[in-house]
N, C-alpha and C. Protein backbone atom coordinates (compact mmCIF):
# COMPACT_ATOMS: atom_id res chain seq x y z
N MET A 1 1.35 -1.38 0.01
CA MET A 1 -0.31 0.26 -0.32
C MET A 1 0.70 1.07 -0.08
N PRO A 2 0.55 2.17 -0.78
CA PRO A 2 1.43 3.54 -1.35
C PRO A 2 0.82 3.96 0.17
N GLU A 3 1.69 5.33 0.79
CA GLU A 3 1.86 5.92 1.75
C GLU A 3 0.83 7.49 1.73
N LYS A 4 0.37 7.55 2.56
CA LYS A 4 -0.83 8.58 2.47
C LYS A 4 -0.52 9.58 1.48
N ASP A 5 0.94 10.03 1.99
CA ASP A 5 1.34 11.49 1.55
C ASP A 5 1.39 11.40 -0.07
N ASP A 6 2.06 10.17 -0.35
CA ASP A 6 2.37 9.55 -1.57
C ASP A 6 1.46 9.76 -2.71
N VAL A 7 0.06 9.11 -1.85
CA VAL A 7 -1.38 9.22 -2.87
C VAL A 7 -1.96 10.69 -2.93
N LEU A 8 -2.08 11.49 -2.19
CA LEU A 8 -2.57 12.71 -1.45
C LEU A 8 -1.41 13.60 -2.70
N ASP A 9 -0.48 13.51 -2.59
CA ASP A 9 0.27 14.14 -3.59
C ASP A 9 0.20 14.10 -5.47
N LEU A 10 -0.36 12.31 -5.63
CA LEU A 10 -0.80 12.17 -6.70
C LEU A 10 -1.94 12.72 -7.22
N ILE A 11 -2.90 12.74 -6.57
CA ILE A 11 -4.00 13.21 -6.36
C ILE A 11 -4.59 14.63 -6.75
N GLU A 12 -3.42 15.35 -5.58
CA GLU A 12 -3.19 16.90 -6.07
C GLU A 12 -2.71 17.76 -7.46
N ASP A 13 -1.68 16.46 -7.89
CA ASP A 13 -1.03 16.41 -9.26
C ASP A 13 -2.39 16.47 -10.44
N LEU A 14 -2.71 15.51 -10.23
CA LEU A 14 -4.15 15.27 -11.05
C LEU A 14 -5.33 16.49 -11.15
N VAL A 15 -5.30 16.97 -9.68
CA VAL A 15 -6.47 18.01 -9.77
C VAL A 15 -5.69 19.39 -10.31
N GLU A 16 -4.47 19.12 -10.17
CA GLU A 16 -3.62 20.76 -10.72
C GLU A 16 -4.20 20.63 -12.52
N THR A 17 -4.04 19.46 -12.54
CA THR A 17 -4.02 19.23 -14.51
C THR A 17 -5.20 19.24 -14.74
N CYS A 18 -6.43 19.00 -14.13
CA CYS A 18 -7.30 18.98 -14.67
C CYS A 18 -8.10 20.43 -14.29
N LYS A 19 -7.87 21.17 -13.26
CA LYS A 19 -8.19 22.36 -13.15
C LYS A 19 -7.26 23.32 -14.37
N ASP A 20 -6.22 23.10 -14.56
CA ASP A 20 -5.79 23.63 -15.78
C ASP A 20 -6.21 23.33 -16.94
N GLY A 21 -6.67 22.44 -16.99
CA GLY A 21 -7.95 21.73 -18.74
C GLY A 21 -8.95 22.41 -18.35
N GLU A 22 -9.48 22.50 -17.23
CA GLU A 22 -11.06 23.54 -16.97
C GLU A 22 -10.74 24.87 -17.48
N THR A 23 -10.19 24.93 -16.83
CA THR A 23 -10.14 26.69 -17.12
C THR A 23 -9.27 27.10 -18.50
N GLY A 24 -8.28 25.84 -19.14
CA GLY A 24 -7.85 26.32 -20.69
C GLY A 24 -8.92 25.88 -21.37
N TYR A 25 -9.60 25.24 -21.28
CA TYR A 25 -11.05 24.81 -22.25
C TYR A 25 -12.07 26.24 -21.92
N ALA A 26 -12.48 26.23 -21.02
CA ALA A 26 -13.16 27.32 -21.38
C ALA A 26 -12.93 28.91 -21.68
N HIS A 27 -11.70 28.82 -21.24
CA HIS A 27 -10.65 30.44 -21.92
C HIS A 27 -11.15 29.93 -23.38
N ALA A 28 -10.34 28.70 -24.03
CA ALA A 28 -10.52 28.35 -25.83
C ALA A 28 -11.89 28.83 -26.16
N ALA A 29 -12.70 28.25 -25.41
CA ALA A 29 -14.30 28.09 -25.83
C ALA A 29 -14.65 29.95 -25.98
N GLY A 30 -14.07 30.72 -25.52
CA GLY A 30 -14.51 32.04 -25.11
C GLY A 30 -13.79 32.81 -26.52
N ILE A 31 -12.70 32.18 -27.22
CA ILE A 31 -11.88 33.21 -28.04
C ILE A 31 -12.06 32.69 -29.30
N VAL A 32 -12.29 31.29 -29.42
CA VAL A 32 -12.87 30.51 -30.63
C VAL A 32 -13.66 31.20 -31.36
N SER A 33 -13.64 31.29 -32.98
CA SER A 33 -15.06 31.89 -33.47
C SER A 33 -16.00 30.76 -34.22
N ASP A 34 -15.42 29.43 -34.17
CA ASP A 34 -16.15 28.57 -34.91
C ASP A 34 -16.96 27.62 -33.77
N PRO A 35 -18.28 27.55 -33.91
CA PRO A 35 -19.63 27.79 -32.99
C PRO A 35 -19.38 25.77 -32.67
N ASN A 36 -18.63 25.02 -33.47
CA ASN A 36 -18.70 24.22 -32.86
C ASN A 36 -17.47 23.62 -31.83
N LEU A 37 -16.35 24.39 -31.90
CA LEU A 37 -15.29 24.46 -31.19
C LEU A 37 -15.86 24.86 -29.93
N LYS A 38 -16.34 26.17 -30.07
CA LYS A 38 -17.19 26.75 -28.93
C LYS A 38 -17.83 25.33 -27.70
N ALA A 39 -18.50 24.84 -28.26
CA ALA A 39 -19.72 23.94 -28.17
C ALA A 39 -18.44 22.65 -27.60
N TYR A 40 -17.37 22.75 -28.10
CA TYR A 40 -17.02 21.54 -27.57
C TYR A 40 -15.83 21.92 -26.56
N PHE A 41 -15.54 22.92 -26.74
CA PHE A 41 -14.56 23.58 -25.72
C PHE A 41 -15.12 23.53 -24.48
N SER A 42 -16.66 23.91 -24.65
CA SER A 42 -17.13 24.15 -23.07
C SER A 42 -17.37 22.51 -22.52
N GLU A 43 -17.94 22.02 -23.58
CA GLU A 43 -18.39 20.66 -22.94
C GLU A 43 -17.04 19.90 -22.27
N GLN A 44 -15.68 20.12 -22.93
CA GLN A 44 -14.89 19.42 -22.07
C GLN A 44 -14.37 20.08 -21.27
N SER A 45 -14.75 21.82 -20.63
CA SER A 45 -14.58 22.45 -19.51
C SER A 45 -15.35 21.70 -18.50
N LEU A 46 -16.07 21.16 -18.48
CA LEU A 46 -17.29 20.79 -17.92
C LEU A 46 -16.94 19.26 -17.51
N GLU A 47 -16.21 19.03 -18.40
CA GLU A 47 -15.77 17.55 -18.40
C GLU A 47 -14.61 17.41 -17.10
N ARG A 48 -13.93 18.42 -17.50
CA ARG A 48 -12.51 18.60 -16.56
C ARG A 48 -12.89 19.10 -14.92
N ALA A 49 -13.85 19.78 -14.83
CA ALA A 49 -14.69 20.01 -13.45
C ALA A 49 -14.55 18.93 -13.00
N ARG A 50 -15.85 18.20 -13.80
CA ARG A 50 -16.49 16.74 -12.97
C ARG A 50 -14.81 15.62 -12.36
N CYS A 51 -14.03 15.82 -13.44
CA CYS A 51 -12.74 15.10 -12.64
C CYS A 51 -12.64 15.63 -11.92
N VAL A 52 -12.20 16.57 -11.32
CA VAL A 52 -12.03 17.53 -10.11
C VAL A 52 -13.08 16.93 -9.07
N ALA A 53 -14.06 16.77 -9.43
CA ALA A 53 -14.79 16.65 -8.14
C ALA A 53 -15.00 15.18 -7.77
N GLU A 54 -14.72 14.03 -8.77
CA GLU A 54 -14.43 13.18 -8.47
C GLU A 54 -13.18 12.58 -7.79
N LEU A 55 -12.26 13.00 -8.08
CA LEU A 55 -10.47 13.16 -7.28
C LEU A 55 -11.22 13.64 -5.91
N ALA A 56 -11.43 14.41 -5.50
CA ALA A 56 -11.96 15.01 -4.64
C ALA A 56 -12.77 14.35 -3.60
N GLU A 57 -13.62 13.42 -4.20
CA GLU A 57 -14.34 12.84 -3.40
C GLU A 57 -13.53 11.17 -3.27
N CYS A 58 -12.96 11.18 -3.78
CA CYS A 58 -12.25 10.01 -4.06
C CYS A 58 -10.99 10.00 -2.97
N SER A 59 -10.31 11.06 -2.58
CA SER A 59 -9.45 11.53 -1.97
C SER A 59 -10.09 11.51 -0.48
N ARG A 60 -11.23 12.22 -0.14
CA ARG A 60 -11.80 12.09 1.49
C ARG A 60 -12.42 10.69 1.42
N ARG A 61 -12.67 10.04 0.71
CA ARG A 61 -12.93 8.82 1.20
C ARG A 61 -11.64 8.07 1.39
N LEU A 62 -10.84 7.59 0.76
CA LEU A 62 -9.53 7.60 0.36
C LEU A 62 -8.76 7.66 1.83
N LEU A 63 -8.39 8.81 2.10
CA LEU A 63 -7.73 9.61 2.99
C LEU A 63 -8.01 10.51 3.97
N GLY A 64 -9.41 10.82 3.67
CA GLY A 64 -9.98 11.43 4.68
C GLY A 64 -10.16 13.19 4.88
N GLU A 65 -9.23 13.40 3.46
CA GLU A 65 -8.91 15.05 3.29
C GLU A 65 -9.39 14.92 1.72
N ARG A 66 -9.81 16.27 1.64
CA ARG A 66 -9.64 16.75 -0.02
C ARG A 66 -8.32 17.33 -0.26
N PRO A 67 -7.83 17.21 -1.45
CA PRO A 67 -6.32 18.17 -2.18
C PRO A 67 -6.82 19.00 -2.10
N GLU A 68 -5.90 19.83 -2.13
CA GLU A 68 -5.22 21.49 -1.87
C GLU A 68 -4.70 21.94 -3.26
N LYS A 69 -5.26 21.89 -4.28
CA LYS A 69 -4.81 21.85 -5.53
C LYS A 69 -5.38 23.54 -6.28
N SER A 70 -4.73 24.21 -6.92
CA SER A 70 -5.57 24.69 -7.88
C SER A 70 -4.62 24.67 -9.23
N GLY A 71 -5.00 25.34 -10.43
CA GLY A 71 -4.84 25.88 -11.57
C GLY A 71 -3.02 25.75 -11.44
N SER A 72 -1.82 25.43 -12.41
CA SER A 72 -0.67 25.78 -12.12
C SER A 72 -0.51 26.92 -12.62
N VAL A 73 0.84 27.08 -12.47
CA VAL A 73 1.45 28.90 -13.09
C VAL A 73 1.52 28.41 -14.59
N ALA A 74 2.13 27.05 -15.13
CA ALA A 74 2.25 26.92 -15.79
C ALA A 74 1.11 26.80 -17.20
N GLY A 75 -0.09 26.63 -16.30
CA GLY A 75 -1.15 26.64 -17.47
C GLY A 75 -1.82 27.85 -17.31
N THR A 76 -1.53 28.68 -16.44
CA THR A 76 -1.75 29.91 -16.62
C THR A 76 -1.05 30.99 -17.94
N LEU A 77 0.41 30.46 -17.96
CA LEU A 77 1.09 31.17 -19.01
C LEU A 77 0.90 30.71 -20.21
N HIS A 78 0.39 29.26 -20.22
CA HIS A 78 -0.37 28.87 -21.45
C HIS A 78 -1.35 29.60 -21.77
N ARG A 79 -2.44 29.55 -21.00
CA ARG A 79 -3.43 30.25 -21.56
C ARG A 79 -3.03 31.82 -22.17
N VAL A 80 -2.41 32.32 -21.37
CA VAL A 80 -1.65 34.13 -21.88
C VAL A 80 -1.01 33.81 -23.31
N TRP A 81 -0.32 32.63 -23.30
CA TRP A 81 0.51 32.37 -25.16
C TRP A 81 -0.74 32.21 -25.92
N PHE A 82 -1.91 31.60 -25.57
CA PHE A 82 -3.06 31.14 -27.23
C PHE A 82 -4.09 32.51 -26.57
N GLU A 83 -4.41 33.29 -25.71
CA GLU A 83 -4.72 34.29 -26.06
C GLU A 83 -4.02 34.98 -27.11
N ALA A 84 -2.87 35.56 -26.79
CA ALA A 84 -1.70 36.17 -27.46
C ALA A 84 -2.28 35.92 -29.09
N LYS A 85 -1.84 34.60 -29.42
CA LYS A 85 -2.29 34.08 -30.93
C LYS A 85 -3.22 34.34 -31.27
N ALA A 86 -4.25 34.34 -30.48
CA ALA A 86 -5.78 34.80 -31.08
C ALA A 86 -6.19 36.50 -31.06
N ASP A 87 -5.31 37.08 -30.11
CA ASP A 87 -4.73 38.59 -30.55
C ASP A 87 -4.16 39.22 -31.54
N ILE A 88 -3.56 38.31 -32.23
CA ILE A 88 -2.64 39.19 -33.46
C ILE A 88 -3.29 38.17 -34.56
N GLY A 89 -4.46 37.61 -34.50
CA GLY A 89 -5.23 36.91 -35.68
C GLY A 89 -4.65 35.81 -36.53
N LEU A 90 -3.73 34.92 -35.43
CA LEU A 90 -3.57 33.20 -35.92
C LEU A 90 -4.90 32.64 -35.70
N GLY A 91 -5.87 32.83 -35.44
CA GLY A 91 -7.48 32.20 -35.42
C GLY A 91 -7.35 30.65 -34.95
N ASP A 92 -8.68 30.17 -35.34
CA ASP A 92 -8.81 28.94 -34.68
C ASP A 92 -7.99 27.74 -34.68
N GLN A 93 -7.02 27.84 -35.68
CA GLN A 93 -6.28 26.93 -35.67
C GLN A 93 -5.11 27.14 -34.90
N ALA A 94 -4.33 27.81 -34.78
CA ALA A 94 -3.43 28.19 -33.67
C ALA A 94 -4.09 27.94 -32.06
N ILE A 95 -5.71 28.17 -31.66
CA ILE A 95 -6.03 28.09 -30.55
C ILE A 95 -5.93 26.04 -30.77
N LEU A 96 -6.56 25.63 -31.52
CA LEU A 96 -6.24 24.03 -31.38
C LEU A 96 -4.85 23.79 -31.41
N ASN A 97 -4.05 24.25 -31.94
CA ASN A 97 -2.61 23.62 -31.68
C ASN A 97 -2.25 23.75 -30.00
N SER A 98 -2.59 25.09 -29.57
CA SER A 98 -2.46 25.23 -28.04
C SER A 98 -3.21 24.76 -26.98
N VAL A 99 -4.18 24.54 -27.54
CA VAL A 99 -5.25 23.17 -26.80
C VAL A 99 -4.68 21.83 -26.91
N GLU A 100 -3.91 21.27 -28.17
CA GLU A 100 -3.55 20.13 -28.46
C GLU A 100 -2.15 19.97 -27.14
N ARG A 101 -1.36 21.02 -27.47
CA ARG A 101 -0.18 20.77 -26.58
C ARG A 101 -1.00 20.54 -25.09
N GLY A 102 -1.71 21.35 -24.19
CA GLY A 102 -2.03 21.53 -22.66
C GLY A 102 -2.75 19.45 -22.74
N GLU A 103 -3.28 19.22 -24.30
CA GLU A 103 -3.66 17.83 -23.55
C GLU A 103 -2.53 16.77 -23.98
N ASP A 104 -1.66 17.63 -24.56
CA ASP A 104 -0.44 16.10 -24.05
C ASP A 104 0.17 16.47 -23.05
N SER A 105 -0.08 17.52 -22.13
CA SER A 105 0.33 17.42 -21.08
C SER A 105 -0.21 16.89 -19.89
N ALA A 106 -1.79 16.66 -20.25
CA ALA A 106 -2.68 15.89 -19.60
C ALA A 106 -3.20 14.64 -19.59
N LYS A 107 -2.13 14.13 -20.91
CA LYS A 107 -2.29 12.72 -21.13
C LYS A 107 -0.87 12.23 -20.57
N ALA A 108 0.43 12.95 -20.40
CA ALA A 108 1.51 12.64 -19.67
C ALA A 108 1.15 12.34 -18.12
N ALA A 109 0.36 13.58 -17.79
CA ALA A 109 0.39 13.19 -16.02
C ALA A 109 -0.44 11.94 -16.11
N TYR A 110 -1.77 11.66 -16.63
CA TYR A 110 -2.50 10.67 -16.54
C TYR A 110 -1.56 8.99 -16.46
N GLU A 111 -0.53 9.18 -17.54
CA GLU A 111 0.48 7.89 -17.65
C GLU A 111 1.10 8.15 -16.47
N LYS A 112 2.04 9.21 -16.21
CA LYS A 112 2.48 8.72 -14.77
C LYS A 112 1.82 8.12 -13.65
N ALA A 113 0.82 9.18 -13.40
CA ALA A 113 -0.08 8.36 -12.29
C ALA A 113 -0.57 6.36 -12.36
N LEU A 114 -1.04 6.73 -13.76
CA LEU A 114 -1.04 5.13 -13.82
C LEU A 114 -0.04 4.45 -13.53
N ALA A 115 1.14 4.90 -13.86
CA ALA A 115 2.35 4.03 -13.56
C ALA A 115 2.79 3.68 -11.93
N ALA A 116 2.23 5.05 -11.32
CA ALA A 116 2.89 4.34 -9.95
C ALA A 116 1.52 3.75 -8.92
N GLU A 117 2.01 2.72 -7.63
CA GLU A 117 1.15 2.21 -7.01
C GLU A 117 -0.01 3.10 -6.44
N LEU A 118 -1.27 2.79 -6.73
CA LEU A 118 -2.53 3.30 -6.17
C LEU A 118 -3.23 2.29 -5.79
N PRO A 119 -4.06 2.75 -4.47
CA PRO A 119 -4.96 1.62 -3.73
C PRO A 119 -5.98 1.70 -5.08
N ASP A 120 -6.77 0.53 -5.23
CA ASP A 120 -7.40 -0.10 -6.08
C ASP A 120 -8.48 0.78 -6.56
N GLU A 121 -9.33 1.30 -5.07
CA GLU A 121 -10.16 2.27 -5.91
C GLU A 121 -9.79 3.60 -6.73
N LEU A 122 -8.77 4.41 -5.99
CA LEU A 122 -8.20 5.31 -7.18
C LEU A 122 -8.02 4.96 -8.14
N ARG A 123 -7.21 3.87 -8.90
CA ARG A 123 -6.60 3.56 -9.98
C ARG A 123 -7.93 3.17 -10.70
N HIS A 124 -9.00 2.25 -10.16
CA HIS A 124 -10.18 2.45 -11.34
C HIS A 124 -10.35 3.93 -11.75
N LEU A 125 -10.50 5.18 -10.87
CA LEU A 125 -11.63 6.31 -10.99
C LEU A 125 -10.24 7.01 -12.37
N VAL A 126 -8.99 7.16 -11.71
CA VAL A 126 -7.74 7.56 -12.53
C VAL A 126 -7.73 6.72 -14.36
N GLN A 127 -7.75 5.25 -14.05
CA GLN A 127 -8.09 4.36 -15.50
C GLN A 127 -9.25 5.39 -16.38
N ARG A 128 -10.16 5.43 -15.54
CA ARG A 128 -11.79 5.93 -16.58
C ARG A 128 -11.16 7.30 -16.88
N GLN A 129 -10.56 8.09 -16.09
CA GLN A 129 -10.53 9.33 -16.11
C GLN A 129 -9.45 10.05 -17.84
N ALA A 130 -8.13 8.80 -17.56
CA ALA A 130 -7.16 8.55 -18.24
C ALA A 130 -8.15 8.25 -19.57
N THR A 131 -9.04 7.46 -19.43
CA THR A 131 -9.70 7.27 -21.09
C THR A 131 -10.41 8.26 -21.26
N ARG A 132 -11.28 8.96 -20.99
CA ARG A 132 -11.45 10.30 -21.56
C ARG A 132 -10.76 11.19 -21.89
N ILE A 133 -9.50 11.60 -21.02
CA ILE A 133 -8.68 12.43 -21.31
C ILE A 133 -7.90 12.19 -22.88
N ILE A 134 -7.70 10.97 -22.81
CA ILE A 134 -6.80 10.04 -24.07
C ILE A 134 -7.80 10.51 -25.39
N ALA A 135 -8.95 10.02 -25.09
CA ALA A 135 -10.34 10.28 -26.48
C ALA A 135 -10.20 11.97 -26.38
N ALA A 136 -10.51 12.93 -25.31
CA ALA A 136 -10.20 14.69 -25.85
C ALA A 136 -9.55 15.14 -26.67
N HIS A 137 -7.69 14.34 -26.00
CA HIS A 137 -6.66 14.40 -26.41
C HIS A 137 -6.74 14.06 -28.59
N ASP A 138 -7.17 12.65 -28.81
CA ASP A 138 -7.12 12.19 -29.89
C ASP A 138 -8.25 13.44 -30.90
N HIS A 139 -9.31 13.49 -29.86
CA HIS A 139 -10.43 14.63 -31.14
C HIS A 139 -9.67 15.85 -31.57
N VAL A 140 -8.89 16.71 -29.80
CA VAL A 140 -8.17 17.70 -30.43
C VAL A 140 -7.40 17.70 -31.45
N ARG A 141 -6.51 16.70 -31.51
CA ARG A 141 -5.22 16.14 -31.86
C ARG A 141 -6.07 16.26 -33.83
N ASP A 142 -7.15 15.48 -34.01
CA ASP A 142 -7.84 15.09 -35.25
C ASP A 142 -8.19 16.34 -35.61
N LEU A 143 -8.61 17.48 -34.63
CA LEU A 143 -9.27 18.48 -35.49
C LEU A 143 -8.25 19.41 -35.95
N ARG A 144 -7.26 19.68 -34.96
CA ARG A 144 -6.15 20.23 -35.66
C ARG A 144 -5.32 20.20 -36.42
N ASP A 145 -5.44 18.92 -36.77
CA ASP A 145 -4.77 17.90 -38.15
C ASP A 145 -5.60 18.02 -39.19
N GLY A 146 -7.12 18.73 -39.22
CA GLY A 146 -8.01 18.65 -39.93
C GLY A 146 -8.56 16.91 -40.63
N ASN A 147 -8.62 16.32 -39.58
CA ASN A 147 -9.63 14.85 -39.82
C ASN A 147 -10.39 15.09 -39.15
N ILE A 148 -11.13 15.73 -39.83
CA ILE A 148 -12.94 15.61 -39.44
C ILE A 148 -13.27 14.37 -39.59
N THR A 149 -13.29 13.73 -40.21
CA THR A 149 -14.02 12.59 -40.03
C THR A 149 -13.36 11.73 -38.98
N GLU A 150 -12.28 11.63 -38.86
CA GLU A 150 -11.78 11.11 -37.70
C GLU A 150 -12.36 11.49 -36.25
N ALA A 151 -12.33 12.68 -36.27
CA ALA A 151 -12.91 13.45 -35.04
C ALA A 151 -14.10 13.43 -34.72
N ARG A 152 -14.85 13.41 -35.94
CA ARG A 152 -16.14 13.17 -35.68
C ARG A 152 -16.88 11.82 -35.46
N GLU A 153 -16.06 10.54 -36.17
CA GLU A 153 -16.31 9.09 -35.29
C GLU A 153 -15.91 9.04 -33.59
N ARG A 154 -14.53 9.51 -33.62
CA ARG A 154 -14.27 9.50 -32.21
C ARG A 154 -15.72 10.31 -30.91
N LYS A 155 -16.21 11.08 -31.61
CA LYS A 155 -16.65 12.11 -30.86
C LYS A 155 -18.26 11.11 -30.67
N ILE A 156 -18.42 10.14 -31.48
CA ILE A 156 -19.77 9.58 -31.76
C ILE A 156 -19.35 8.21 -31.05
N ALA A 157 -18.23 7.80 -30.94
CA ALA A 157 -18.20 6.63 -30.10
C ALA A 157 -18.28 6.51 -28.60
């Protein structure tokens, strides 16, 4: 069984990652012009908020305490960077590029968490969330690359 502090640190890292995603997606939804992207980004922002709530509840059940993390400085700088791209007129494609880079970071955080020793309940939660995070990553990547057919099929599945 892993140490309580190690489990809490891992949960806090995932909460930070999800809060960055929640805020990043909401921010992207506010600056893209395509209505389909706005809707998708808004939906993903809500999905990341659900992930935060699930992680907090799991932490409370397993450890008797809630994680104490907010978004990261890197996440804030990333949002400022893609807002600057929008301000100089680089368009929705530039925003998709930035969102996909943020998704790379989220995917890596979940892969790292899954490589760690975790209590079974937390492992199941992290695996479920990782599946959704990776699907969002792949969807954004397909949109970025212009693979609209693959993106639509992924969204439907």
